[in-house]
Amino acid sequence: MPPVIRTLCIHLLALAGIAQAWQQVNENAPEPAREFRAAWVATVFNLDWPSKSGLSASQQKAELLHIIEQASRLRLNAIILQIRPNGDAIYQSNLEPWSAWLNGPGQNPGYDPLAYAIAEAHRRGIEIHAWFNPFRATVSSRPVGRGHISRKQPDWLLKAGSTTMLNPARTQARGHVLRVIMDVVRRYDIDGVHLDDYFYPYPPHHNVADGRSPAQRRAAIDSFVQELYRQVKAAKPHVRVGISPFGIWQPGFPAEVQAGVNAYEDLACDARKWLVQGWVDYLAPQLYWRCEGPQSFPALMRWWSSINPSRPVWPGIASVRINSKEDPGRNASEIARQISFSRSLARQSGGQVFWSWKSLGTNRGGIQKELAKYYSSIALPPAMPWSGSSQPARPSVQALDSGNGCTITWQGNARKWVLQVGSKGRWFTMDVLPGNCNRTTIPARVANTLDRIAIRPISPTGMSGTPGILAR
């Protein structure tokens, strides 16, 4: 319906006593809260989703939708979904076979899980970051589908215990991984590209026979990370690039922390360099230890956050270790302390990433109650002004009261829309809606308590625009 006709209809309905129209006002609303709140959803070994291989498409969808809906209720705003666990695909791909963790090696599940996750998450204001394991090829001698890289290019593989991996020092292997990632970036409306820490294998298998020195290995991984960032930003500047390295850069950094693994030498992981050079939009170092102890969470968080003030560090937090055999006696309050400490160091770019989803979804140790204390209201992920600082234009907004509630419509362009509501001078963020949405309804019991409504546009890089505001 053209705007002129819609406006005329609204006024006619108001005059007839059927509905009440709101009026546009030249006011402003406070900026929404900002914080990255995410959980890793692992598919390898069916750790988080799907619960087992061989479920029907409808069962897989139901489980995935339950995760997304529960994440929304917990007020998370991002899911880091593992879509390439070991040289395979949790999405439709012409480059790699369907993952065995869905329905068996190379078996089509009957739908596209990544497309489904994106649609359902965006509908609820949640970002999807596509998580790639870059160089792991096979695990525990598990079978892989026809066309798997381990079958097509066996000479690219390195043996590391029960795992095989693509040799990162081979230009062709790095090129293959980049093609796989960029295929997803170009074809899917993902919000981020996320890499885990499997570059070279962990000890005792780090001395793989590839004929490369630690420095040569680091140079190969550095080249890969730099080129990945360049290609993603050239294709879609708004897509975040994030990496989750081992939580300690190398022994002695910081001095008061003990390190059992040398990620710099053994894993070829120079995450400090990537952060300094701006080859990532965020780091999520795996700070899985307690606040007290030889690997102090506060000491590590303080060190990582001091490296590059212009790029955020959002710690990986081990909710999985609550009431665990690995860390006996850890309770949910430890996780709350870590959230609080990470916030104290945030420079307008706070955030946390939880390993992994199942511990949150099953409410291990009462973690949901602790999260509710810190995530009491909706927050948007922080913006990325270095990837684009343009602000979207103010939308044209209209609202109409009726017996069923208040229906709001608007026109404009944005990546997301934020619905903010006000009552007697106090504002609240009520919802985050996808960019293709231009209509929503507030239930009457809530709408009747309001005197202000705002629709705020958010750009693809997260920049906030001026809201269109209505008053009774």
Protein backbone atom coordinates (compact mmCIF):
# COMPACT_ATOMS: atom_id res chain seq x y z
CA MET A 1 0.00 0.00 0.00
CA PRO A 2 1.43 3.43 -0.94
CA PRO A 3 2.41 5.58 2.07
CA VAL A 4 -0.18 8.29 1.27
CA ILE A 5 -3.04 5.80 1.16
CA ARG A 6 -1.82 4.04 4.32
CA THR A 7 -1.70 7.34 6.21
CA LEU A 8 -5.22 8.24 5.01
CA CYS A 9 -6.54 4.85 6.15
CA ILE A 10 -4.97 5.23 9.57
CA HIS A 11 -6.55 8.64 10.10
CA LEU A 12 -9.96 7.45 8.88
CA LEU A 13 -9.85 4.51 11.27
CA ALA A 14 -8.85 6.80 14.11
CA LEU A 15 -11.72 9.19 13.34
CA ALA A 16 -14.12 6.25 13.28
CA GLY A 17 -12.99 5.25 16.75
CA ILE A 18 -11.74 1.88 15.52
CA ALA A 19 -8.06 2.58 16.15
CA GLN A 20 -5.77 5.27 17.44
CA ALA A 21 -2.86 6.60 15.38
CA TRP A 22 0.47 7.63 16.85
CA GLN A 23 2.21 10.85 15.81
CA GLN A 24 5.77 11.32 14.64
CA VAL A 25 7.90 13.42 16.99
CA ASN A 26 11.32 15.00 16.62
CA GLU A 27 12.91 13.27 19.60
CA ASN A 28 15.66 10.75 20.21
CA ALA A 29 16.02 7.51 22.12
CA PRO A 30 19.04 6.17 24.01
CA GLU A 31 21.43 3.91 22.14
CA PRO A 32 20.75 0.19 22.65
CA ALA A 33 23.15 -1.76 24.86
CA ARG A 34 26.07 -3.42 23.07
CA GLU A 35 27.70 -6.73 23.94
CA PHE A 36 28.63 -9.85 21.98
CA ARG A 37 26.90 -12.85 23.58
CA ALA A 38 27.55 -16.11 21.78
CA ALA A 39 27.83 -19.85 22.17
CA TRP A 40 29.69 -22.39 20.08
CA VAL A 41 27.42 -25.08 18.61
CA ALA A 42 29.68 -28.00 17.71
CA THR A 43 28.71 -30.63 15.15
CA VAL A 44 31.86 -32.79 15.31
CA PHE A 45 31.15 -36.01 17.26
CA ASN A 46 27.57 -34.66 17.56
CA LEU A 47 28.68 -32.70 20.63
CA ASP A 48 25.92 -30.08 20.50
CA TRP A 49 23.87 -30.68 17.35
CA PRO A 50 22.45 -32.82 15.91
CA SER A 51 22.16 -35.07 18.96
CA LYS A 52 23.15 -38.05 16.82
CA SER A 53 23.74 -38.92 13.19
CA GLY A 54 20.84 -40.29 11.17
CA LEU A 55 17.97 -38.17 12.46
CA SER A 56 15.31 -37.17 9.93
CA ALA A 57 15.29 -33.68 8.45
CA SER A 58 12.32 -32.70 10.62
CA GLN A 59 14.08 -33.98 13.76
CA GLN A 60 17.28 -32.14 12.93
CA LYS A 61 15.35 -28.94 12.25
CA ALA A 62 13.41 -29.26 15.50
CA GLU A 63 16.62 -29.65 17.51
CA LEU A 64 18.26 -26.71 15.76
CA LEU A 65 15.21 -24.50 16.17
CA HIS A 66 15.07 -25.38 19.87
CA ILE A 67 18.69 -24.18 20.24
CA ILE A 68 17.94 -20.92 18.44
CA GLU A 69 14.78 -20.24 20.43
CA GLN A 70 16.45 -21.06 23.72
CA ALA A 71 19.41 -18.82 22.83
CA SER A 72 16.94 -16.02 22.19
CA ARG A 73 15.31 -16.55 25.59
CA LEU A 74 18.75 -16.40 27.22
CA ARG A 75 19.33 -13.12 25.35
CA LEU A 76 22.31 -14.36 23.37
CA ASN A 77 22.77 -12.52 20.09
CA ALA A 78 25.05 -14.87 18.14
CA ILE A 79 25.50 -18.56 17.47
CA ILE A 80 28.85 -19.84 16.23
CA LEU A 81 27.74 -22.86 14.24
CA GLN A 82 30.32 -25.44 13.18
CA ILE A 83 29.60 -25.98 9.50
CA ARG A 84 32.89 -27.63 8.44
CA PRO A 85 34.06 -29.98 11.19
CA ASN A 86 36.57 -32.03 9.18
CA GLY A 87 36.78 -31.33 5.46
CA ASP A 88 33.02 -31.81 5.08
CA ALA A 89 29.92 -29.65 4.92
CA ILE A 90 26.89 -28.93 7.12
CA TYR A 91 25.48 -27.08 4.09
CA GLN A 92 24.98 -27.62 0.36
CA SER A 93 28.42 -27.61 -1.25
CA ASN A 94 29.87 -28.50 -4.61
CA LEU A 95 33.39 -28.48 -3.15
CA GLU A 96 33.10 -30.90 -0.23
CA PRO A 97 30.75 -33.78 0.71
CA TRP A 98 27.94 -33.73 3.22
CA SER A 99 29.19 -34.31 6.75
CA ALA A 100 28.90 -37.75 8.29
CA TRP A 101 27.73 -36.08 11.52
CA LEU A 102 24.39 -35.39 9.83
CA ASN A 103 23.24 -38.62 8.16
CA GLY A 104 26.35 -40.58 7.38
CA PRO A 105 29.29 -39.97 5.01
CA GLY A 106 28.21 -37.90 2.02
CA GLN A 107 24.48 -38.37 2.71
CA ASN A 108 22.19 -35.48 1.83
CA PRO A 109 20.05 -34.64 4.91
CA GLY A 110 17.17 -33.47 2.70
CA TYR A 111 17.49 -29.77 3.50
CA ASP A 112 20.20 -27.11 3.92
CA PRO A 113 21.02 -26.79 7.65
CA LEU A 114 22.99 -23.57 7.27
CA ALA A 115 20.27 -21.84 5.26
CA TYR A 116 17.70 -22.98 7.80
CA ALA A 117 19.78 -21.77 10.75
CA ILE A 118 20.34 -18.36 9.15
CA ALA A 119 16.66 -17.82 8.41
CA GLU A 120 15.44 -18.85 11.86
CA ALA A 121 18.21 -17.02 13.75
CA HIS A 122 17.83 -13.77 11.82
CA ARG A 123 14.09 -13.88 12.40
CA ARG A 124 14.91 -13.72 16.13
CA GLY A 125 17.63 -11.09 15.93
CA ILE A 126 20.49 -13.60 16.32
CA GLU A 127 23.64 -13.62 14.20
CA ILE A 128 25.06 -16.78 12.64
CA HIS A 129 28.84 -17.03 12.50
CA ALA A 130 29.94 -19.90 10.27
CA TRP A 131 32.61 -21.89 12.09
CA PHE A 132 35.22 -23.64 9.95
CA ASN A 133 37.85 -26.05 11.14
CA PRO A 134 40.39 -25.02 8.52
CA PHE A 135 42.88 -27.90 8.28
CA ARG A 136 41.48 -30.97 10.05
CA ALA A 137 40.63 -33.62 7.44
CA THR A 138 39.62 -36.84 9.21
CA VAL A 139 39.08 -37.86 12.84
CA SER A 140 39.40 -41.23 14.57
CA SER A 141 39.36 -43.15 11.28
CA ARG A 142 35.72 -42.15 10.76
CA PRO A 143 34.57 -42.67 7.14
CA VAL A 144 34.13 -39.65 4.89
CA GLY A 145 31.99 -39.04 1.83
CA ARG A 146 32.96 -39.49 -1.79
CA GLY A 147 34.85 -36.46 -3.07
CA HIS A 148 36.41 -35.72 0.33
CA ILE A 149 39.74 -33.94 0.07
CA SER A 150 41.50 -36.83 1.83
CA ARG A 151 40.48 -39.07 -1.08
CA LYS A 152 41.16 -36.59 -3.85
CA GLN A 153 44.48 -35.27 -2.55
CA PRO A 154 46.01 -37.81 -0.15
CA ASP A 155 49.47 -36.31 -0.70
CA TRP A 156 48.27 -33.10 0.99
CA LEU A 157 47.68 -34.91 4.30
CA LEU A 158 49.72 -35.05 7.49
CA LYS A 159 49.19 -37.78 10.08
CA ALA A 160 48.66 -36.60 13.68
CA GLY A 161 47.69 -39.52 15.89
CA SER A 162 44.16 -40.64 15.00
CA THR A 163 43.62 -37.42 13.02
CA THR A 164 44.77 -36.40 9.57
CA MET A 165 45.08 -32.79 8.54
CA LEU A 166 45.69 -30.78 5.41
CA ASN A 167 49.26 -29.56 5.34
CA PRO A 168 49.01 -25.78 5.93
CA ALA A 169 52.44 -25.26 4.43
CA ARG A 170 51.18 -26.39 1.01
CA THR A 171 49.91 -23.50 -1.06
CA GLN A 172 47.33 -25.76 -2.74
CA ALA A 173 45.91 -26.88 0.59
CA ARG A 174 45.55 -23.31 1.86
CA GLY A 175 43.96 -22.35 -1.45
CA HIS A 176 41.40 -25.12 -1.15
CA VAL A 177 40.36 -24.03 2.34
CA LEU A 178 40.07 -20.41 1.19
CA ARG A 179 37.85 -21.45 -1.75
CA VAL A 180 35.60 -23.41 0.60
CA ILE A 181 35.20 -20.50 3.01
CA MET A 182 34.66 -17.89 0.31
CA ASP A 183 32.05 -20.11 -1.36
CA VAL A 184 30.01 -19.88 1.86
CA VAL A 185 30.63 -16.13 2.24
CA ARG A 186 29.35 -15.43 -1.26
CA ARG A 187 26.33 -17.78 -1.24
CA TYR A 188 24.99 -17.45 2.30
CA ASP A 189 23.86 -14.48 4.37
CA ILE A 190 26.19 -15.29 7.28
CA ASP A 191 27.21 -12.64 9.78
CA GLY A 192 30.68 -13.95 10.49
CA VAL A 193 33.46 -16.36 9.54
CA HIS A 194 34.95 -18.09 12.56
CA LEU A 195 38.05 -20.30 12.81
CA ASP A 196 39.01 -22.50 15.73
CA ASP A 197 42.58 -23.22 16.87
CA TYR A 198 43.34 -26.31 14.78
CA PHE A 199 46.14 -24.94 12.62
CA TYR A 200 48.90 -27.40 13.49
CA PRO A 201 48.13 -30.28 15.87
CA TYR A 202 48.47 -30.07 19.63
CA PRO A 203 51.27 -31.93 21.43
CA PRO A 204 52.27 -34.72 21.40
CA HIS A 205 51.51 -34.76 17.66
CA HIS A 206 52.85 -31.29 16.84
CA ASN A 207 56.09 -32.60 15.36
CA VAL A 208 54.47 -33.74 12.14
CA ALA A 209 56.93 -34.60 9.40
CA ASP A 210 56.39 -31.72 7.01
CA GLY A 211 59.99 -30.52 6.77
CA ARG A 212 59.10 -27.03 8.01
CA SER A 213 60.55 -25.08 10.91
CA PRO A 214 58.24 -23.42 13.47
CA ALA A 215 58.95 -20.05 11.83
CA GLN A 216 58.05 -21.39 8.38
CA ARG A 217 54.85 -22.87 9.73
CA ARG A 218 53.89 -19.56 11.35
CA ALA A 219 54.58 -17.76 8.07
CA ALA A 220 52.22 -20.14 6.27
CA ILE A 221 49.43 -19.64 8.81
CA ASP A 222 49.99 -15.88 8.88
CA SER A 223 49.66 -15.81 5.09
CA PHE A 224 46.43 -17.80 5.31
CA VAL A 225 44.87 -15.55 7.97
CA GLN A 226 45.85 -12.35 6.17
CA GLU A 227 44.50 -13.57 2.83
CA LEU A 228 41.30 -14.84 4.40
CA TYR A 229 40.62 -11.44 5.94
CA ARG A 230 41.38 -9.66 2.66
CA GLN A 231 39.08 -11.88 0.62
CA VAL A 232 36.16 -11.77 3.07
CA LYS A 233 36.29 -7.98 3.33
CA ALA A 234 36.57 -7.60 -0.44
CA ALA A 235 33.44 -9.70 -0.92
CA LYS A 236 31.30 -8.58 2.05
CA PRO A 237 32.83 -5.96 4.36
CA HIS A 238 30.14 -6.48 7.01
CA VAL A 239 31.00 -10.15 7.61
CA ARG A 240 33.02 -10.41 10.81
CA VAL A 241 36.20 -12.50 10.81
CA GLY A 242 36.92 -14.06 14.18
CA ILE A 243 39.42 -16.62 15.44
CA SER A 244 39.49 -18.59 18.68
CA PRO A 245 43.13 -19.34 19.53
CA PHE A 246 44.52 -21.26 22.47
CA GLY A 247 44.21 -19.04 25.53
CA ILE A 248 47.94 -18.45 26.10
CA TRP A 249 49.94 -16.87 23.27
CA GLN A 250 53.20 -18.39 24.44
CA PRO A 251 54.88 -19.13 27.79
CA GLY A 252 55.80 -15.98 29.68
CA PHE A 253 52.96 -13.84 28.33
CA PRO A 254 51.84 -12.75 30.84
CA ALA A 255 54.68 -13.59 33.18
CA GLU A 256 52.50 -14.70 36.10
CA VAL A 257 50.74 -17.42 34.09
CA GLN A 258 51.98 -20.99 33.62
CA ALA A 259 51.65 -22.54 30.16
CA GLY A 260 51.58 -26.24 29.37
CA VAL A 261 51.26 -25.64 25.61
CA ASN A 262 53.32 -23.32 23.43
CA ALA A 263 50.77 -22.26 20.83
CA TYR A 264 53.25 -19.91 19.16
CA GLU A 265 55.88 -22.60 18.53
CA ASP A 266 53.85 -25.81 18.39
CA LEU A 267 50.55 -24.74 16.80
CA ALA A 268 52.03 -21.99 14.55
CA CYS A 269 49.44 -19.69 16.10
CA ASP A 270 50.63 -16.08 16.32
CA ALA A 271 47.25 -14.67 17.35
CA ARG A 272 48.88 -11.61 18.89
CA LYS A 273 50.22 -10.64 15.46
CA TRP A 274 46.82 -11.09 13.82
CA LEU A 275 45.26 -8.78 16.39
CA VAL A 276 48.01 -6.14 16.03
CA GLN A 277 47.85 -6.23 12.24
CA GLY A 278 44.05 -6.03 12.15
CA TRP A 279 43.66 -9.33 10.29
CA VAL A 280 40.68 -10.20 12.48
CA ASP A 281 37.60 -8.31 13.60
CA TYR A 282 37.67 -10.06 16.96
CA LEU A 283 39.58 -12.71 18.87
CA ALA A 284 37.95 -15.20 21.21
CA PRO A 285 40.91 -16.76 23.05
CA GLN A 286 39.99 -19.91 24.91
CA LEU A 287 40.33 -18.71 28.50
CA TYR A 288 38.91 -21.88 30.00
CA TRP A 289 40.64 -21.65 33.39
CA ARG A 290 39.42 -20.31 36.72
CA CYS A 291 39.93 -16.81 38.08
CA GLU A 292 42.40 -18.18 40.63
CA GLY A 293 45.18 -20.58 39.74
CA PRO A 294 48.30 -20.92 37.59
CA GLN A 295 46.34 -19.93 34.46
CA SER A 296 44.50 -16.94 35.87
CA PHE A 297 41.50 -15.84 33.81
CA PRO A 298 41.86 -12.17 34.92
CA ALA A 299 45.59 -12.09 34.16
CA LEU A 300 45.09 -13.59 30.71
CA MET A 301 42.09 -11.42 29.90
CA ARG A 302 44.00 -8.31 30.94
CA TRP A 303 46.95 -9.29 28.70
CA TRP A 304 44.87 -10.07 25.62
CA SER A 305 42.70 -6.98 25.91
CA SER A 306 45.75 -4.68 26.06
CA ILE A 307 47.12 -5.68 22.65
CA ASN A 308 44.97 -3.63 20.26
CA PRO A 309 42.37 -1.31 21.79
CA SER A 310 40.68 -0.87 18.40
CA ARG A 311 39.83 -4.58 17.99
CA PRO A 312 37.81 -6.46 20.61
CA VAL A 313 38.78 -9.55 22.56
CA TRP A 314 35.76 -11.62 23.63
CA PRO A 315 36.93 -14.44 25.88
CA GLY A 316 35.97 -18.03 25.35
CA ILE A 317 34.45 -19.14 28.68
CA ALA A 318 34.22 -22.82 29.65
CA SER A 319 30.69 -23.26 30.91
CA VAL A 320 31.21 -26.92 29.99
CA ARG A 321 33.52 -27.28 33.01
CA ILE A 322 30.78 -26.55 35.53
CA ASN A 323 30.44 -29.64 37.76
CA SER A 324 32.83 -31.51 35.48
CA LYS A 325 35.35 -34.29 36.07
CA GLU A 326 37.91 -32.06 34.37
CA ASP A 327 37.48 -29.30 36.96
CA PRO A 328 35.79 -30.68 40.09
CA GLY A 329 34.08 -28.10 42.25
CA ARG A 330 33.63 -25.44 39.59
CA ASN A 331 30.19 -23.90 39.91
CA ALA A 332 28.19 -21.48 37.80
CA SER A 333 29.21 -18.51 39.92
CA GLU A 334 32.74 -18.87 38.49
CA ILE A 335 31.29 -18.15 35.05
CA ALA A 336 29.48 -15.10 36.43
CA ARG A 337 32.76 -13.76 37.84
CA GLN A 338 34.39 -14.14 34.43
CA ILE A 339 31.58 -12.27 32.69
CA SER A 340 31.91 -9.48 35.23
CA PHE A 341 35.67 -9.26 34.83
CA SER A 342 35.54 -9.27 31.03
CA ARG A 343 33.06 -6.40 31.19
CA SER A 344 35.39 -4.40 33.41
CA LEU A 345 38.03 -4.43 30.65
CA ALA A 346 35.71 -3.79 27.71
CA ARG A 347 36.23 -0.65 25.65
CA GLN A 348 32.67 -0.29 24.31
CA SER A 349 33.16 -3.73 22.79
CA GLY A 350 32.36 -6.22 25.53
CA GLY A 351 31.47 -9.81 24.89
CA GLN A 352 31.68 -13.45 25.87
CA VAL A 353 31.62 -16.74 23.97
CA PHE A 354 30.58 -19.93 25.77
CA TRP A 355 31.96 -23.40 25.20
CA SER A 356 29.70 -24.97 24.46
CA TRP A 357 25.98 -24.75 23.78
CA LYS A 358 24.95 -27.97 25.55
CA SER A 359 26.11 -26.68 28.95
CA LEU A 360 23.88 -23.63 28.55
CA GLY A 361 20.94 -25.46 27.03
CA THR A 362 20.88 -28.11 29.78
CA ASN A 363 21.31 -25.43 32.48
CA ARG A 364 24.39 -27.09 33.93
CA GLY A 365 24.85 -26.09 37.54
CA GLY A 366 22.14 -23.44 37.23
CA ILE A 367 24.08 -21.38 34.68
CA GLN A 368 20.91 -19.93 33.17
CA LYS A 369 20.10 -18.16 36.43
CA GLU A 370 23.59 -16.61 36.45
CA LEU A 371 23.24 -15.50 32.82
CA ALA A 372 19.88 -13.88 33.61
CA LYS A 373 21.63 -11.61 36.12
CA TYR A 374 24.02 -10.29 33.47
CA TYR A 375 21.84 -10.58 30.37
CA SER A 376 18.77 -8.95 31.84
CA SER A 377 18.00 -7.01 28.67
CA ILE A 378 18.61 -7.29 24.95
CA ALA A 379 21.98 -6.18 23.57
CA LEU A 380 23.29 -5.71 20.04
CA PRO A 381 26.73 -6.98 18.99
CA PRO A 382 29.27 -4.12 18.93
CA ALA A 383 29.71 -2.24 15.66
CA MET A 384 32.71 -2.52 13.33
CA PRO A 385 33.37 1.07 12.21
CA TRP A 386 36.70 0.02 10.65
CA SER A 387 34.70 -2.01 8.09
CA GLY A 388 32.27 0.79 7.28
CA SER A 389 31.08 3.75 9.33
CA SER A 390 28.09 4.91 7.28
CA GLN A 391 24.91 5.31 9.30
CA PRO A 392 21.55 4.25 7.84
CA ALA A 393 18.87 6.87 7.26
CA ARG A 394 15.99 7.39 9.65
CA PRO A 395 13.00 5.25 8.66
CA SER A 396 9.46 6.46 8.10
CA VAL A 397 7.40 4.90 10.91
CA GLN A 398 3.69 4.60 11.59
CA ALA A 399 1.75 2.84 14.33
CA LEU A 400 -1.88 1.96 14.85
CA ASP A 401 -3.63 0.95 18.08
CA SER A 402 -6.52 -1.50 18.02
CA GLY A 403 -8.09 -4.02 20.33
CA ASN A 404 -5.44 -6.60 19.41
CA GLY A 405 -2.48 -4.34 20.17
CA CYS A 406 -0.30 -1.80 18.43
CA THR A 407 0.77 -2.56 14.85
CA ILE A 408 3.91 -0.76 13.70
CA THR A 409 4.96 -0.41 10.06
CA TRP A 410 7.98 1.34 8.62
CA GLN A 411 9.95 1.98 5.45
CA GLY A 412 13.71 2.21 5.05
CA ASN A 413 16.87 0.18 4.53
CA ALA A 414 18.89 -1.53 7.26
CA ARG A 415 20.60 -4.79 8.14
CA LYS A 416 18.59 -4.96 11.37
CA TRP A 417 15.84 -2.99 13.05
CA VAL A 418 15.71 -2.35 16.78
CA LEU A 419 12.31 -1.87 18.38
CA GLN A 420 12.61 0.44 21.39
CA VAL A 421 9.68 1.45 23.58
CA GLY A 422 9.30 4.16 26.18
CA SER A 423 7.07 4.88 29.14
CA LYS A 424 7.26 7.99 31.33
CA GLY A 425 10.79 8.81 30.22
CA ARG A 426 12.22 5.29 30.53
CA TRP A 427 13.27 3.39 27.42
CA PHE A 428 13.60 -0.35 26.81
CA THR A 429 14.87 -2.43 23.91
CA MET A 430 12.02 -4.77 23.09
CA ASP A 431 13.12 -6.65 19.98
CA VAL A 432 15.68 -6.94 17.18
CA LEU A 433 14.22 -7.66 13.75
CA PRO A 434 15.81 -8.62 10.41
CA GLY A 435 16.33 -6.05 7.67
CA ASN A 436 13.64 -7.54 5.45
CA CYS A 437 11.00 -6.95 8.13
CA ASN A 438 8.80 -3.84 7.99
CA ARG A 439 6.00 -4.71 10.36
CA THR A 440 5.55 -5.88 13.94
CA THR A 441 2.84 -5.88 16.61
CA ILE A 442 3.07 -5.12 20.32
CA PRO A 443 0.42 -6.93 22.42
CA ALA A 444 -2.29 -4.66 23.81
CA ARG A 445 -1.39 -5.34 27.44
CA VAL A 446 2.09 -3.93 26.75
CA ALA A 447 1.17 -1.26 24.22
CA ASN A 448 -1.34 0.31 26.59
CA THR A 449 1.48 1.12 29.03
CA LEU A 450 3.63 2.93 26.42
CA ASP A 451 3.86 6.54 25.32
CA ARG A 452 6.82 6.23 22.90
CA ILE A 453 7.82 3.82 20.12
CA ALA A 454 11.10 3.93 18.18
CA ILE A 455 12.33 1.94 15.18
CA ARG A 456 16.13 2.26 14.93
CA PRO A 457 18.04 1.18 11.80
CA ILE A 458 21.33 -0.72 12.15
CA SER A 459 23.80 -0.84 9.26
CA PRO A 460 25.47 -4.04 8.02
CA THR A 461 28.59 -3.19 10.05
CA GLY A 462 26.49 -2.51 13.14
CA MET A 463 26.41 1.28 12.99
CA SER A 464 23.35 2.81 14.59
CA GLY A 465 21.14 5.24 12.67
CA THR A 466 18.66 7.84 13.89
CA PRO A 467 15.40 6.18 14.94
CA GLY A 468 11.95 7.10 13.75
CA ILE A 469 10.01 7.94 16.93
CA LEU A 470 6.28 8.05 17.56
CA ALA A 471 4.31 9.39 20.51
CA ARG A 472 0.66 9.05 21.51
